[in-house]
Amino acid sequence: MKKDTLEHRMMQESNRLKVPDSKLLSGSLAGKYPVILDGGKTTIFISDPSKEAETRKNYENRQSNRFMVFSKKQKV
């Protein structure tokens, strides 16, 4: 353990080699496909373009359910 010093541990070059590529790409849009919803107000990025219709349907269901909860006023 010749290079086991604090300076060597803190160097980004040595840490970068240990981090998997999937972790380094988190937040990256590489390989993602945009799904534009609400007339351009909302954009969702998905990894599988064949699930675009399913994503749109799920989003519409969530939006309608969310507004239904707020529209019901409970009388006390």
C-alpha atoms as a PDB file:
ATOM      1  CA  MET A   1       0.000   0.000   0.000  1.00  0.00           C
ATOM      2  CA  LYS A   2       2.622   2.456  -1.123  1.00  0.00           C
ATOM      3  CA  LYS A   3       0.182   5.003  -2.535  1.00  0.00           C
ATOM      4  CA  ASP A   4      -2.268   4.895   0.350  1.00  0.00           C
ATOM      5  CA  THR A   5      -1.999   8.537   1.317  1.00  0.00           C
ATOM      6  CA  LEU A   6      -4.714  11.092   1.895  1.00  0.00           C
ATOM      7  CA  GLU A   7      -3.602  13.113  -1.132  1.00  0.00           C
ATOM      8  CA  HIS A   8      -3.815  10.072  -3.382  1.00  0.00           C
ATOM      9  CA  ARG A   9      -7.278   9.168  -2.080  1.00  0.00           C
ATOM     10  CA  MET A  10      -8.570  12.665  -2.766  1.00  0.00           C
ATOM     11  CA  MET A  11      -7.270  12.783  -6.348  1.00  0.00           C
ATOM     12  CA  GLN A  12     -10.115  12.516  -8.811  1.00  0.00           C
ATOM     13  CA  GLU A  13      -8.108  10.381 -11.226  1.00  0.00           C
ATOM     14  CA  SER A  14      -7.844   7.510  -8.775  1.00  0.00           C
ATOM     15  CA  ASN A  15     -11.505   7.719  -7.708  1.00  0.00           C
ATOM     16  CA  ARG A  16     -12.807   7.981 -11.263  1.00  0.00           C
ATOM     17  CA  LEU A  17     -11.366   4.580 -12.155  1.00  0.00           C
ATOM     18  CA  LYS A  18     -13.343   2.885  -9.384  1.00  0.00           C
ATOM     19  CA  VAL A  19     -16.732   4.433 -10.226  1.00  0.00           C
ATOM     20  CA  PRO A  20     -18.832   2.435 -12.719  1.00  0.00           C
ATOM     21  CA  ASP A  21     -19.838   4.137 -15.971  1.00  0.00           C
ATOM     22  CA  SER A  22     -23.530   3.962 -15.103  1.00  0.00           C
ATOM     23  CA  LYS A  23     -22.904   6.115 -12.024  1.00  0.00           C
ATOM     24  CA  LEU A  24     -20.874   8.636 -14.012  1.00  0.00           C
ATOM     25  CA  LEU A  25     -23.758   9.069 -16.472  1.00  0.00           C
ATOM     26  CA  SER A  26     -26.439   9.762 -13.870  1.00  0.00           C
ATOM     27  CA  GLY A  27     -28.314  12.871 -14.895  1.00  0.00           C
ATOM     28  CA  SER A  28     -27.087  12.505 -18.445  1.00  0.00           C
ATOM     29  CA  LEU A  29     -29.526  12.518 -21.332  1.00  0.00           C
ATOM     30  CA  ALA A  30     -27.340  10.288 -23.500  1.00  0.00           C
ATOM     31  CA  GLY A  31     -29.416   7.447 -24.861  1.00  0.00           C
ATOM     32  CA  LYS A  32     -32.717   8.968 -23.673  1.00  0.00           C
ATOM     33  CA  TYR A  33     -35.732   9.875 -25.794  1.00  0.00           C
ATOM     34  CA  PRO A  34     -37.889  12.933 -25.025  1.00  0.00           C
ATOM     35  CA  VAL A  35     -41.646  12.674 -24.565  1.00  0.00           C
ATOM     36  CA  ILE A  36     -43.257  16.109 -24.754  1.00  0.00           C
ATOM     37  CA  LEU A  37     -46.466  16.486 -22.750  1.00  0.00           C
ATOM     38  CA  ASP A  38     -48.946  19.286 -21.980  1.00  0.00           C
ATOM     39  CA  GLY A  39     -48.299  21.079 -25.254  1.00  0.00           C
ATOM     40  CA  GLY A  40     -44.612  21.529 -24.509  1.00  0.00           C
ATOM     41  CA  LYS A  41     -44.884  22.439 -20.812  1.00  0.00           C
ATOM     42  CA  THR A  42     -43.538  19.105 -19.600  1.00  0.00           C
ATOM     43  CA  THR A  43     -40.771  16.927 -21.028  1.00  0.00           C
ATOM     44  CA  ILE A  44     -40.028  13.445 -19.755  1.00  0.00           C
ATOM     45  CA  PHE A  45     -36.977  11.500 -20.929  1.00  0.00           C
ATOM     46  CA  ILE A  46     -37.354   7.731 -21.270  1.00  0.00           C
ATOM     47  CA  SER A  47     -34.810   5.083 -22.197  1.00  0.00           C
ATOM     48  CA  ASP A  48     -37.154   2.901 -24.270  1.00  0.00           C
ATOM     49  CA  PRO A  49     -38.914   4.662 -27.174  1.00  0.00           C
ATOM     50  CA  SER A  50     -41.468   1.861 -27.463  1.00  0.00           C
ATOM     51  CA  LYS A  51     -42.958   2.903 -24.096  1.00  0.00           C
ATOM     52  CA  GLU A  52     -43.884   6.409 -25.251  1.00  0.00           C
ATOM     53  CA  ALA A  53     -47.627   5.676 -25.481  1.00  0.00           C
ATOM     54  CA  GLU A  54     -47.595   4.048 -22.046  1.00  0.00           C
ATOM     55  CA  THR A  55     -45.768   7.048 -20.572  1.00  0.00           C
ATOM     56  CA  ARG A  56     -48.305   9.475 -22.052  1.00  0.00           C
ATOM     57  CA  LYS A  57     -51.222   7.431 -20.709  1.00  0.00           C
ATOM     58  CA  ASN A  58     -49.703   7.181 -17.212  1.00  0.00           C
ATOM     59  CA  TYR A  59     -49.063  10.932 -17.155  1.00  0.00           C
ATOM     60  CA  GLU A  60     -52.633  11.734 -18.201  1.00  0.00           C
ATOM     61  CA  ASN A  61     -54.019   9.367 -15.553  1.00  0.00           C
ATOM     62  CA  ARG A  62     -51.885  10.976 -12.854  1.00  0.00           C
ATOM     63  CA  GLN A  63     -52.927  14.472 -13.892  1.00  0.00           C
ATOM     64  CA  SER A  64     -56.640  13.625 -13.932  1.00  0.00           C
ATOM     65  CA  ASN A  65     -56.429  11.835 -10.559  1.00  0.00           C
ATOM     66  CA  ARG A  66     -54.485  14.699  -9.012  1.00  0.00           C
ATOM     67  CA  PHE A  67     -57.076  17.279 -10.044  1.00  0.00           C
ATOM     68  CA  MET A  68     -59.958  15.049  -8.941  1.00  0.00           C
ATOM     69  CA  VAL A  69     -58.565  14.937  -5.401  1.00  0.00           C
ATOM     70  CA  PHE A  70     -58.359  18.720  -5.191  1.00  0.00           C
ATOM     71  CA  SER A  71     -61.760  19.301  -6.774  1.00  0.00           C
ATOM     72  CA  LYS A  72     -63.596  17.269  -4.119  1.00  0.00           C
ATOM     73  CA  LYS A  73     -64.242  19.488  -1.129  1.00  0.00           C
ATOM     74  CA  GLN A  74     -65.219  17.770   2.061  1.00  0.00           C
ATOM     75  CA  LYS A  75     -68.024  19.318   4.052  1.00  0.00           C
ATOM     76  CA  VAL A  76     -67.384  19.311   7.765  1.00  0.00           C
END
